[in-house]
C-alpha atoms as a PDB file:
ATOM      1  CA  MET A   1     144.387 112.482  80.518  1.00  0.00           C
ATOM      2  CA  THR A   2     146.172 111.614  83.774  1.00  0.00           C
ATOM      3  CA  ASN A   3     144.437 111.367  87.146  1.00  0.00           C
ATOM      4  CA  GLU A   4     146.108 114.620  88.141  1.00  0.00           C
ATOM      5  CA  GLN A   5     144.751 116.409  85.068  1.00  0.00           C
ATOM      6  CA  VAL A   6     141.249 115.034  85.702  1.00  0.00           C
ATOM      7  CA  SER A   7     141.240 116.179  89.332  1.00  0.00           C
ATOM      8  CA  GLU A   8     142.449 119.626  88.294  1.00  0.00           C
ATOM      9  CA  SER A   9     139.638 119.974  85.736  1.00  0.00           C
ATOM     10  CA  VAL A  10     136.816 119.140  88.180  1.00  0.00           C
ATOM     11  CA  ASP A  11     135.031 122.174  89.592  1.00  0.00           C
ATOM     12  CA  PHE A  12     134.224 121.457  93.246  1.00  0.00           C
ATOM     13  CA  SER A  13     132.827 124.907  94.038  1.00  0.00           C
ATOM     14  CA  VAL A  14     129.405 125.072  95.689  1.00  0.00           C
ATOM     15  CA  ASP A  15     126.591 126.807  93.802  1.00  0.00           C
ATOM     16  CA  ARG A  16     125.567 129.224  96.553  1.00  0.00           C
ATOM     17  CA  GLN A  17     122.441 130.284  94.630  1.00  0.00           C
ATOM     18  CA  ASN A  18     121.092 126.706  94.473  1.00  0.00           C
ATOM     19  CA  LEU A  19     121.284 125.386  98.049  1.00  0.00           C
ATOM     20  CA  TYR A  20     118.620 123.051  99.473  1.00  0.00           C
ATOM     21  CA  MET A  21     118.050 121.416 102.834  1.00  0.00           C
ATOM     22  CA  GLU A  22     117.107 117.778 102.301  1.00  0.00           C
ATOM     23  CA  GLU A  23     114.661 115.808 104.453  1.00  0.00           C
ATOM     24  CA  SER A  24     113.582 112.238 103.855  1.00  0.00           C
ATOM     25  CA  PHE A  25     110.242 110.582 104.691  1.00  0.00           C
ATOM     26  CA  THR A  26     109.538 106.872 104.264  1.00  0.00           C
ATOM     27  CA  ASP A  27     106.791 104.358 104.976  1.00  0.00           C
ATOM     28  CA  MET A  28     109.471 101.633 105.308  1.00  0.00           C
ATOM     29  CA  LYS A  29     107.672  99.619 102.589  1.00  0.00           C
ATOM     30  CA  VAL A  30     107.418 101.287  99.197  1.00  0.00           C
ATOM     31  CA  ALA A  31     107.698 105.033  99.383  1.00  0.00           C
ATOM     32  CA  THR A  32     110.520 107.419 100.079  1.00  0.00           C
ATOM     33  CA  ILE A  33     109.815 111.102  99.601  1.00  0.00           C
ATOM     34  CA  ARG A  34     112.616 113.642  99.701  1.00  0.00           C
ATOM     35  CA  ARG A  35     111.698 117.236 100.499  1.00  0.00           C
ATOM     36  CA  LEU A  36     114.236 119.743  99.201  1.00  0.00           C
ATOM     37  CA  THR A  37     113.678 123.099 100.873  1.00  0.00           C
ATOM     38  CA  PRO A  38     115.539 126.015  99.289  1.00  0.00           C
ATOM     39  CA  VAL A  39     117.864 127.798 101.706  1.00  0.00           C
ATOM     40  CA  LYS A  40     120.179 130.769 101.683  1.00  0.00           C
ATOM     41  CA  THR A  41     123.874 130.438 102.500  1.00  0.00           C
ATOM     42  CA  ASP A  42     123.092 131.139 106.176  1.00  0.00           C
ATOM     43  CA  GLY A  43     120.755 128.113 106.251  1.00  0.00           C
ATOM     44  CA  LEU A  44     117.557 130.132 106.539  1.00  0.00           C
ATOM     45  CA  PRO A  45     114.675 129.290 104.175  1.00  0.00           C
ATOM     46  CA  ASP A  46     114.766 131.042 100.787  1.00  0.00           C
ATOM     47  CA  LYS A  47     111.115 131.923 100.204  1.00  0.00           C
ATOM     48  CA  THR A  48     111.830 133.174  96.674  1.00  0.00           C
ATOM     49  CA  ARG A  49     112.199 129.560  95.436  1.00  0.00           C
ATOM     50  CA  LYS A  50     109.856 126.582  95.563  1.00  0.00           C
ATOM     51  CA  THR A  51     110.227 123.456  97.663  1.00  0.00           C
ATOM     52  CA  ILE A  52     110.834 120.342  95.559  1.00  0.00           C
ATOM     53  CA  PHE A  53     109.488 116.864  96.348  1.00  0.00           C
ATOM     54  CA  ILE A  54     111.111 113.782  94.840  1.00  0.00           C
ATOM     55  CA  GLY A  55     109.581 110.328  95.115  1.00  0.00           C
ATOM     56  CA  GLU A  56     111.778 107.251  95.182  1.00  0.00           C
ATOM     57  CA  THR A  57     111.047 103.535  95.133  1.00  0.00           C
ATOM     58  CA  ASN A  58     112.390 100.280  93.730  1.00  0.00           C
ATOM     59  CA  ILE A  59     110.616  98.002  91.300  1.00  0.00           C
ATOM     60  CA  LEU A  60     111.558  94.351  91.290  1.00  0.00           C
ATOM     61  CA  THR A  61     112.800  92.918  87.988  1.00  0.00           C
ATOM     62  CA  PRO A  62     114.229  89.505  87.072  1.00  0.00           C
ATOM     63  CA  SER A  63     117.671  91.155  87.271  1.00  0.00           C
ATOM     64  CA  GLY A  64     117.030  92.580  90.743  1.00  0.00           C
ATOM     65  CA  PRO A  65     115.643  95.826  92.142  1.00  0.00           C
ATOM     66  CA  LEU A  66     115.542  98.816  89.807  1.00  0.00           C
ATOM     67  CA  PRO A  67     115.649 102.223  91.511  1.00  0.00           C
ATOM     68  CA  LEU A  68     113.022 104.658  90.294  1.00  0.00           C
ATOM     69  CA  GLN A  69     112.594 108.333  91.101  1.00  0.00           C
ATOM     70  CA  ALA A  70     110.475 111.220  89.909  1.00  0.00           C
ATOM     71  CA  VAL A  71     109.622 114.769  90.833  1.00  0.00           C
ATOM     72  CA  ILE A  72     106.268 114.930  92.600  1.00  0.00           C
ATOM     73  CA  GLN A  73     104.115 117.945  91.824  1.00  0.00           C
ATOM     74  CA  ALA A  74     103.215 119.183  95.307  1.00  0.00           C
ATOM     75  CA  LYS A  75     103.459 122.187  97.568  1.00  0.00           C
ATOM     76  CA  GLN A  76     103.280 120.330 100.883  1.00  0.00           C
ATOM     77  CA  LEU A  77     104.243 116.881 102.178  1.00  0.00           C
ATOM     78  CA  GLN A  78     100.613 115.763 102.509  1.00  0.00           C
ATOM     79  CA  GLN A  79     100.024 116.532  98.825  1.00  0.00           C
ATOM     80  CA  ALA A  80     103.292 114.776  97.878  1.00  0.00           C
ATOM     81  CA  ILE A  81     102.124 111.646  99.717  1.00  0.00           C
ATOM     82  CA  LYS A  82      98.819 111.762  97.848  1.00  0.00           C
ATOM     83  CA  ASN A  83     100.532 112.314  94.464  1.00  0.00           C
ATOM     84  CA  PHE A  84     103.286 109.716  95.025  1.00  0.00           C
ATOM     85  CA  PRO A  85     101.530 106.788  93.249  1.00  0.00           C
ATOM     86  CA  GLU A  86     100.733 108.890  90.173  1.00  0.00           C
ATOM     87  CA  ALA A  87     104.296 110.219  89.940  1.00  0.00           C
ATOM     88  CA  MET A  88     105.793 106.723  90.251  1.00  0.00           C
ATOM     89  CA  GLN A  89     103.404 105.320  87.621  1.00  0.00           C
ATOM     90  CA  ALA A  90     104.392 108.137  85.253  1.00  0.00           C
ATOM     91  CA  ALA A  91     108.070 107.305  85.880  1.00  0.00           C
ATOM     92  CA  VAL A  92     107.420 103.609  85.118  1.00  0.00           C
ATOM     93  CA  ASP A  93     105.578 104.561  81.916  1.00  0.00           C
ATOM     94  CA  LYS A  94     108.434 106.844  80.855  1.00  0.00           C
ATOM     95  CA  LEU A  95     110.973 104.102  81.591  1.00  0.00           C
ATOM     96  CA  ALA A  96     108.950 101.585  79.553  1.00  0.00           C
ATOM     97  CA  GLU A  97     108.847 104.024  76.609  1.00  0.00           C
ATOM     98  CA  GLU A  98     112.613 104.572  76.809  1.00  0.00           C
ATOM     99  CA  VAL A  99     113.251 100.815  76.880  1.00  0.00           C
ATOM    100  CA  LYS A 100     110.925 100.347  73.899  1.00  0.00           C
ATOM    101  CA  ARG A 101     112.669 103.140  71.964  1.00  0.00           C
ATOM    102  CA  MET A 102     116.116 101.717  72.766  1.00  0.00           C
ATOM    103  CA  LYS A 103     115.008  98.241  71.672  1.00  0.00           C
ATOM    104  CA  GLU A 104     113.647  99.636  68.397  1.00  0.00           C
ATOM    105  CA  GLN A 105     116.922 101.491  67.786  1.00  0.00           C
ATOM    106  CA  LYS A 106     118.907  98.349  68.509  1.00  0.00           C
ATOM    107  CA  ASP A 107     116.687  96.243  66.232  1.00  0.00           C
ATOM    108  CA  SER A 108     116.938  98.783  63.408  1.00  0.00           C
ATOM    109  CA  SER A 109     120.732  98.771  63.563  1.00  0.00           C
ATOM    110  CA  ILE A 110     121.083  95.057  62.751  1.00  0.00           C
ATOM    111  CA  ILE A 111     120.880  93.625  59.209  1.00  0.00           C
ATOM    112  CA  ALA A 112     120.601  89.968  58.421  1.00  0.00           C
ATOM    113  CA  PRO A 113     121.862  88.955  54.950  1.00  0.00           C
ATOM    114  CA  GLY A 114     119.099  89.114  52.367  1.00  0.00           C
ATOM    115  CA  GLY A 115     117.010  91.635  54.210  1.00  0.00           C
ATOM    116  CA  GLY A 116     117.005  94.417  56.656  1.00  0.00           C
ATOM    117  CA  LYS A 117     116.701  98.126  56.809  1.00  0.00           C
ATOM    118  CA  GLU A 118     118.672 100.625  54.776  1.00  0.00           C
ATOM    119  CA  ASP A 119     119.542 102.831  57.751  1.00  0.00           C
ATOM    120  CA  SER A 120     121.060  99.925  59.680  1.00  0.00           C
ATOM    121  CA  ARG A 121     124.711 100.164  60.580  1.00  0.00           C
ATOM    122  CA  ILE A 122     125.638  96.691  61.824  1.00  0.00           C
ATOM    123  CA  ILE A 123     125.836  93.678  59.523  1.00  0.00           C
ATOM    124  CA  LEU A 124     125.958  90.234  61.095  1.00  0.00           C
ATOM    125  CA  PRO A 125     128.026  87.896  58.887  1.00  0.00           C
ATOM    126  CA  GLY A 126     127.144  84.235  58.563  1.00  0.00           C
ATOM    127  CA  ARG A 127     123.427  84.559  59.190  1.00  0.00           C
END
């Protein structure tokens, strides 16, 4: 596919039924909380939809900072601030489970001669 074909196949239209005004709050240390307030196309609040809070932080790893984000269950900013640590811990736990699952999948797809798993797909010669 050429660059021209790719650009022609991208839909750049705005979903007018899913507009949000975004505000950001930070403690300049650990926490960033984004408040997404639903709005109508005229910019006025859309009271038929719920406000969404998203927590963001970075965890330090040997490879550098790892961005982490999660939806915070809250109706107001004060509640989002209170629930931030729990939401971030749940995101870390979910990330750890995904890494564990990916590692298990990777380990199960390698066979060493003389042993290994039947459902493995990769055979390492010379081992």
